[in-house]
C-alpha atoms as a PDB file:
ATOM      1  CA  MET A   1     102.379  98.270 125.525  1.00  0.00           C
ATOM      2  CA  MET A   2     102.047  97.487 121.856  1.00  0.00           C
ATOM      3  CA  GLN A   3      98.457  96.233 121.596  1.00  0.00           C
ATOM      4  CA  ASP A   4      98.644  95.587 117.867  1.00  0.00           C
ATOM      5  CA  ALA A   5     101.904  93.645 118.119  1.00  0.00           C
ATOM      6  CA  ASP A   6     102.611  89.992 117.593  1.00  0.00           C
ATOM      7  CA  PRO A   7     101.875  87.872 120.723  1.00  0.00           C
ATOM      8  CA  SER A   8     105.573  86.973 121.051  1.00  0.00           C
ATOM      9  CA  VAL A   9     106.461  90.704 121.079  1.00  0.00           C
ATOM     10  CA  GLN A  10     103.815  91.351 123.729  1.00  0.00           C
ATOM     11  CA  ALA A  11     105.146  88.447 125.804  1.00  0.00           C
ATOM     12  CA  TRP A  12     108.718  89.733 125.477  1.00  0.00           C
ATOM     13  CA  LEU A  13     107.647  93.239 126.558  1.00  0.00           C
ATOM     14  CA  ARG A  14     105.694  91.841 129.555  1.00  0.00           C
ATOM     15  CA  GLN A  15     108.754  89.881 130.715  1.00  0.00           C
ATOM     16  CA  PHE A  16     110.958  92.929 130.162  1.00  0.00           C
ATOM     17  CA  LYS A  17     108.605  95.104 132.223  1.00  0.00           C
ATOM     18  CA  TRP A  18     108.521  92.493 134.974  1.00  0.00           C
ATOM     19  CA  ALA A  19     112.342  92.312 134.989  1.00  0.00           C
ATOM     20  CA  LEU A  20     112.480  96.099 135.479  1.00  0.00           C
ATOM     21  CA  GLY A  21     110.447  95.677 138.696  1.00  0.00           C
ATOM     22  CA  SER A  22     113.137  97.043 141.026  1.00  0.00           C
ATOM     23  CA  ILE A  23     113.238 100.356 139.157  1.00  0.00           C
ATOM     24  CA  PRO A  24     110.617 102.909 140.321  1.00  0.00           C
ATOM     25  CA  ALA A  25     107.562 103.295 138.061  1.00  0.00           C
ATOM     26  CA  PRO A  26     108.324 106.601 136.337  1.00  0.00           C
ATOM     27  CA  GLU A  27     111.801 105.464 135.251  1.00  0.00           C
ATOM     28  CA  SER A  28     110.764 101.910 134.360  1.00  0.00           C
ATOM     29  CA  ASP A  29     107.826 103.231 132.305  1.00  0.00           C
ATOM     30  CA  GLU A  30     110.195 105.533 130.439  1.00  0.00           C
ATOM     31  CA  ILE A  31     112.644 102.696 129.734  1.00  0.00           C
ATOM     32  CA  LEU A  32     109.802 100.442 128.583  1.00  0.00           C
ATOM     33  CA  ALA A  33     108.464 103.151 126.251  1.00  0.00           C
ATOM     34  CA  GLU A  34     111.937 103.722 124.787  1.00  0.00           C
ATOM     35  CA  VAL A  35     112.553 100.005 124.186  1.00  0.00           C
ATOM     36  CA  GLU A  36     109.030  99.584 122.785  1.00  0.00           C
ATOM     37  CA  SER A  37     109.608 102.509 120.393  1.00  0.00           C
ATOM     38  CA  HIS A  38     112.916 101.051 119.252  1.00  0.00           C
ATOM     39  CA  LEU A  39     111.283  97.666 118.743  1.00  0.00           C
ATOM     40  CA  ARG A  40     108.469  99.290 116.734  1.00  0.00           C
ATOM     41  CA  GLU A  41     111.021 101.019 114.494  1.00  0.00           C
ATOM     42  CA  THR A  42     112.907  97.768 113.979  1.00  0.00           C
ATOM     43  CA  LEU A  43     109.716  95.928 113.003  1.00  0.00           C
ATOM     44  CA  ALA A  44     108.587  98.797 110.760  1.00  0.00           C
ATOM     45  CA  GLY A  45     111.927  98.519 108.957  1.00  0.00           C
ATOM     46  CA  GLY A  46     110.888  95.099 107.698  1.00  0.00           C
ATOM     47  CA  ARG A  47     112.577  92.883 110.251  1.00  0.00           C
ATOM     48  CA  VAL A  48     111.024  89.555 111.145  1.00  0.00           C
ATOM     49  CA  VAL A  49     109.706  89.404 114.730  1.00  0.00           C
ATOM     50  CA  GLU A  50     112.144  86.665 115.782  1.00  0.00           C
ATOM     51  CA  ALA A  51     115.115  88.596 114.375  1.00  0.00           C
ATOM     52  CA  ALA A  52     113.992  91.837 116.026  1.00  0.00           C
ATOM     53  CA  LEU A  53     113.599  90.176 119.408  1.00  0.00           C
ATOM     54  CA  GLY A  54     116.869  88.310 118.874  1.00  0.00           C
ATOM     55  CA  GLN A  55     118.658  91.671 118.692  1.00  0.00           C
ATOM     56  CA  PHE A  56     117.517  92.468 122.200  1.00  0.00           C
ATOM     57  CA  GLY A  57     118.195  89.029 123.626  1.00  0.00           C
ATOM     58  CA  ALA A  58     116.429  87.600 126.645  1.00  0.00           C
ATOM     59  CA  PRO A  59     114.208  90.220 128.295  1.00  0.00           C
ATOM     60  CA  GLU A  60     115.638  89.517 131.766  1.00  0.00           C
ATOM     61  CA  ALA A  61     119.241  89.945 130.576  1.00  0.00           C
ATOM     62  CA  TYR A  62     118.398  93.106 128.654  1.00  0.00           C
ATOM     63  CA  ALA A  63     116.545  94.587 131.645  1.00  0.00           C
ATOM     64  CA  ARG A  64     119.438  93.742 133.979  1.00  0.00           C
ATOM     65  CA  GLN A  65     121.579  96.340 132.200  1.00  0.00           C
ATOM     66  CA  PHE A  66     119.084  99.056 133.127  1.00  0.00           C
ATOM     67  CA  VAL A  67     118.644  97.749 136.672  1.00  0.00           C
ATOM     68  CA  ASP A  68     122.434  97.609 137.162  1.00  0.00           C
ATOM     69  CA  GLU A  69     122.821 101.171 135.883  1.00  0.00           C
ATOM     70  CA  MET A  70     120.065 102.387 138.230  1.00  0.00           C
ATOM     71  CA  ARG A  71     121.683 100.681 141.246  1.00  0.00           C
ATOM     72  CA  LEU A  72     125.047 102.102 140.303  1.00  0.00           C
ATOM     73  CA  SER A  73     123.656 105.633 139.958  1.00  0.00           C
ATOM     74  CA  ARG A  74     121.791 105.309 143.256  1.00  0.00           C
ATOM     75  CA  ALA A  75     124.887 104.069 145.102  1.00  0.00           C
ATOM     76  CA  LEU A  76     127.070 106.828 143.658  1.00  0.00           C
ATOM     77  CA  GLY A  77     124.465 109.486 144.345  1.00  0.00           C
ATOM     78  CA  SER A  78     123.698 108.564 147.943  1.00  0.00           C
ATOM     79  CA  GLN A  79     127.142 107.236 148.922  1.00  0.00           C
ATOM     80  CA  ARG A  80     125.441 105.283 151.710  1.00  0.00           C
ATOM     81  CA  GLU A  81     127.497 102.350 152.924  1.00  0.00           C
ATOM     82  CA  SER A  82     124.593  99.908 152.646  1.00  0.00           C
ATOM     83  CA  GLU A  83     123.919 100.713 148.979  1.00  0.00           C
ATOM     84  CA  MET A  84     127.596 100.741 148.030  1.00  0.00           C
ATOM     85  CA  LEU A  85     128.217  97.471 149.876  1.00  0.00           C
ATOM     86  CA  GLY A  86     125.210  95.880 148.174  1.00  0.00           C
ATOM     87  CA  LEU A  87     126.515  96.995 144.784  1.00  0.00           C
ATOM     88  CA  VAL A  88     130.005  95.591 145.417  1.00  0.00           C
ATOM     89  CA  ALA A  89     128.549  92.326 146.730  1.00  0.00           C
ATOM     90  CA  GLN A  90     126.203  92.038 143.732  1.00  0.00           C
ATOM     91  CA  ARG A  91     129.070  92.453 141.271  1.00  0.00           C
ATOM     92  CA  ALA A  92     131.711  90.398 143.125  1.00  0.00           C
ATOM     93  CA  HIS A  93     131.007  87.314 140.999  1.00  0.00           C
ATOM     94  CA  ARG A  94     131.235  89.338 137.756  1.00  0.00           C
ATOM     95  CA  SER A  95     134.192  91.606 138.477  1.00  0.00           C
ATOM     96  CA  LEU A  96     137.650  90.810 139.757  1.00  0.00           C
ATOM     97  CA  PHE A  97     137.904  94.365 141.048  1.00  0.00           C
ATOM     98  CA  ALA A  98     134.659  94.064 143.016  1.00  0.00           C
ATOM     99  CA  ALA A  99     135.848  90.716 144.441  1.00  0.00           C
ATOM    100  CA  ALA A 100     139.155  92.307 145.525  1.00  0.00           C
ATOM    101  CA  ALA A 101     137.232  95.206 147.088  1.00  0.00           C
ATOM    102  CA  GLY A 102     135.081  92.680 148.950  1.00  0.00           C
ATOM    103  CA  LEU A 103     138.205  91.015 150.308  1.00  0.00           C
ATOM    104  CA  ALA A 104     139.641  94.390 151.409  1.00  0.00           C
ATOM    105  CA  LEU A 105     136.331  95.202 153.098  1.00  0.00           C
ATOM    106  CA  ALA A 106     136.408  91.862 154.912  1.00  0.00           C
ATOM    107  CA  VAL A 107     139.893  92.707 156.230  1.00  0.00           C
ATOM    108  CA  CYS A 108     138.681  96.131 157.417  1.00  0.00           C
ATOM    109  CA  ALA A 109     135.670  94.526 159.106  1.00  0.00           C
ATOM    110  CA  ALA A 110     137.881  91.929 160.810  1.00  0.00           C
ATOM    111  CA  LEU A 111     140.232  94.641 162.102  1.00  0.00           C
ATOM    112  CA  PHE A 112     137.265  96.616 163.393  1.00  0.00           C
ATOM    113  CA  ALA A 113     135.815  93.550 165.146  1.00  0.00           C
ATOM    114  CA  ILE A 114     139.151  92.551 166.713  1.00  0.00           C
ATOM    115  CA  ALA A 115     139.800  96.097 167.947  1.00  0.00           C
ATOM    116  CA  LEU A 116     136.281  96.372 169.365  1.00  0.00           C
ATOM    117  CA  GLY A 117     136.625  93.002 171.090  1.00  0.00           C
ATOM    118  CA  MET A 118     140.001  93.923 172.576  1.00  0.00           C
ATOM    119  CA  ALA A 119     138.705  97.287 173.841  1.00  0.00           C
ATOM    120  CA  VAL A 120     135.703  95.675 175.529  1.00  0.00           C
ATOM    121  CA  LEU A 121     137.772  92.840 177.005  1.00  0.00           C
ATOM    122  CA  LYS A 122     140.398  95.272 178.323  1.00  0.00           C
ATOM    123  CA  LEU A 123     137.711  97.295 180.074  1.00  0.00           C
ATOM    124  CA  LEU A 124     136.121  94.134 181.535  1.00  0.00           C
ATOM    125  CA  ASP A 125     139.357  92.428 182.613  1.00  0.00           C
ATOM    126  CA  PRO A 126     142.231  94.942 182.584  1.00  0.00           C
ATOM    127  CA  VAL A 127     144.641  92.645 184.423  1.00  0.00           C
ATOM    128  CA  HIS A 128     144.563  89.660 182.043  1.00  0.00           C
ATOM    129  CA  VAL A 129     143.899  91.304 178.642  1.00  0.00           C
ATOM    130  CA  GLY A 130     146.502  93.204 176.656  1.00  0.00           C
ATOM    131  CA  VAL A 131     149.309  93.154 174.156  1.00  0.00           C
ATOM    132  CA  TRP A 132     151.825  90.885 175.837  1.00  0.00           C
ATOM    133  CA  ARG A 133     155.529  90.341 175.279  1.00  0.00           C
ATOM    134  CA  SER A 134     157.012  87.174 176.694  1.00  0.00           C
ATOM    135  CA  THR A 135     159.804  84.780 175.902  1.00  0.00           C
ATOM    136  CA  GLY A 136     157.495  83.153 173.332  1.00  0.00           C
ATOM    137  CA  GLY A 137     156.998  86.419 171.397  1.00  0.00           C
ATOM    138  CA  LEU A 138     154.048  88.786 171.149  1.00  0.00           C
ATOM    139  CA  LEU A 139     150.502  87.881 172.079  1.00  0.00           C
ATOM    140  CA  LEU A 140     147.312  89.885 171.658  1.00  0.00           C
ATOM    141  CA  GLY A 141     144.564  88.741 173.965  1.00  0.00           C
ATOM    142  CA  LYS A 142     143.992  87.233 177.366  1.00  0.00           C
ATOM    143  CA  ILE A 143     146.574  85.339 179.408  1.00  0.00           C
ATOM    144  CA  ASP A 144     146.193  83.419 182.651  1.00  0.00           C
ATOM    145  CA  ASP A 145     149.380  84.642 184.378  1.00  0.00           C
ATOM    146  CA  PRO A 146     150.073  88.353 183.805  1.00  0.00           C
ATOM    147  CA  ALA A 147     153.320  88.065 185.801  1.00  0.00           C
ATOM    148  CA  ALA A 148     154.791  85.795 183.087  1.00  0.00           C
ATOM    149  CA  ALA A 149     154.707  88.566 180.459  1.00  0.00           C
ATOM    150  CA  THR A 150     154.854  92.337 180.044  1.00  0.00           C
ATOM    151  CA  ASP A 151     151.756  94.278 179.007  1.00  0.00           C
ATOM    152  CA  LEU A 152     153.081  96.680 176.365  1.00  0.00           C
ATOM    153  CA  LEU A 153     150.091  99.035 176.242  1.00  0.00           C
ATOM    154  CA  GLY A 154     148.429  98.730 179.617  1.00  0.00           C
ATOM    155  CA  MET A 155     145.217 100.768 179.749  1.00  0.00           C
ATOM    156  CA  TRP A 156     146.269 102.460 176.495  1.00  0.00           C
ATOM    157  CA  LEU A 157     144.949  99.389 174.707  1.00  0.00           C
ATOM    158  CA  ALA A 158     141.378 100.731 174.779  1.00  0.00           C
ATOM    159  CA  PRO A 159     142.160 104.117 173.144  1.00  0.00           C
ATOM    160  CA  VAL A 160     144.504 102.449 170.635  1.00  0.00           C
ATOM    161  CA  ALA A 161     141.694 100.003 169.787  1.00  0.00           C
ATOM    162  CA  VAL A 162     139.315 102.938 169.232  1.00  0.00           C
ATOM    163  CA  VAL A 163     141.841 104.520 166.845  1.00  0.00           C
ATOM    164  CA  VAL A 164     142.165 101.197 164.978  1.00  0.00           C
ATOM    165  CA  MET A 165     138.349 100.952 164.741  1.00  0.00           C
ATOM    166  CA  CYS A 166     138.171 104.485 163.307  1.00  0.00           C
ATOM    167  CA  LEU A 167     140.925 103.724 160.793  1.00  0.00           C
ATOM    168  CA  ALA A 168     139.257 100.444 159.805  1.00  0.00           C
ATOM    169  CA  TRP A 169     135.897 102.185 159.308  1.00  0.00           C
ATOM    170  CA  PHE A 170     137.488 105.023 157.335  1.00  0.00           C
ATOM    171  CA  GLY A 171     139.561 102.572 155.269  1.00  0.00           C
ATOM    172  CA  GLY A 172     136.475 100.484 154.538  1.00  0.00           C
ATOM    173  CA  ARG A 173     134.553 103.571 153.453  1.00  0.00           C
ATOM    174  CA  VAL A 174     137.376 104.660 151.143  1.00  0.00           C
ATOM    175  CA  VAL A 175     137.578 101.152 149.646  1.00  0.00           C
ATOM    176  CA  LEU A 176     133.791 101.122 149.117  1.00  0.00           C
ATOM    177  CA  LEU A 177     133.680 104.537 147.498  1.00  0.00           C
ATOM    178  CA  GLN A 178     136.690 103.930 145.266  1.00  0.00           C
ATOM    179  CA  SER A 179     135.460 100.499 144.215  1.00  0.00           C
ATOM    180  CA  VAL A 180     131.994 101.836 143.304  1.00  0.00           C
ATOM    181  CA  ARG A 181     133.597 104.653 141.318  1.00  0.00           C
ATOM    182  CA  ALA A 182     135.895 102.179 139.537  1.00  0.00           C
ATOM    183  CA  ILE A 183     132.958  99.894 138.746  1.00  0.00           C
ATOM    184  CA  ALA A 184     131.082 102.903 137.336  1.00  0.00           C
ATOM    185  CA  ARG A 185     134.030 103.928 135.163  1.00  0.00           C
ATOM    186  CA  HIS A 186     134.468 100.397 133.860  1.00  0.00           C
ATOM    187  CA  GLU A 187     130.786  99.747 133.171  1.00  0.00           C
ATOM    188  CA  ARG A 188     130.190 103.108 131.548  1.00  0.00           C
ATOM    189  CA  ARG A 189     133.185 102.588 129.239  1.00  0.00           C
ATOM    190  CA  SER A 190     131.857  99.191 128.204  1.00  0.00           C
ATOM    191  CA  PRO A 191     129.225  99.535 125.498  1.00  0.00           C
ATOM    192  CA  ARG A 192     125.695  98.589 126.521  1.00  0.00           C
ATOM    193  CA  ASN A 193     124.260  95.687 124.598  1.00  0.00           C
ATOM    194  CA  LEU A 194     121.878  97.818 122.549  1.00  0.00           C
ATOM    195  CA  PRO A 195     120.566  96.496 119.263  1.00  0.00           C
END
C-alpha cells in the first residue's frame, strides 16, 4: 500500500482491501495494486486527494464491482447449482431478470417437492393416494374412500412422479444456467464505474 500517501488515501485503500476479502489473495492483491496505481497516477496529475477519492466513490461500493465479477466468473466457470443459485439470489433485489429466475426456480422446486411427496405417499399407501377423478373434479392426493372416485394412474403415479422430478430438476438447471448467462451478458455490457 502507498506508504507515502495521505492518511485519507491509506484509509480508503485499507477499506477497499477489506471489502475485497471474499476474493482470493492473489487476485485481490492484483486488483489492489491496479487501483493503487491508478490512484497514484490521478494524484500525480495534480488532483486533490478528495477529488481523486471521489472519482472512485465509497471503497465498499467500488470493491463490490470486482467481487460481483469474480462471483459471476466463478459461477459461469463451475456451473455448479449452488454457486449459480447463490448468484441469482444475491442479484434478485437488483435485477428484475434475476427475480423472475428466482420465481421460476421456486416453481421448479415446488413441482419437484410435490412429485417426490406423491411418489413416497403412493408407495406407502397405494390404496388411498393417487390422481382421483370424481363427481367433484380432479384431486391429487389422499382420499378416505377410494370407492367414491377413480384412480387415473394407479401404481403408475410413482414412475410419473419420478419423470416430473427429473423434468423439474432439468428445468431448474436450465433456468439457472440461462439466468446466470443473461446476468453476465447484461453486467458485462454495462460499463463498470471506473474513474
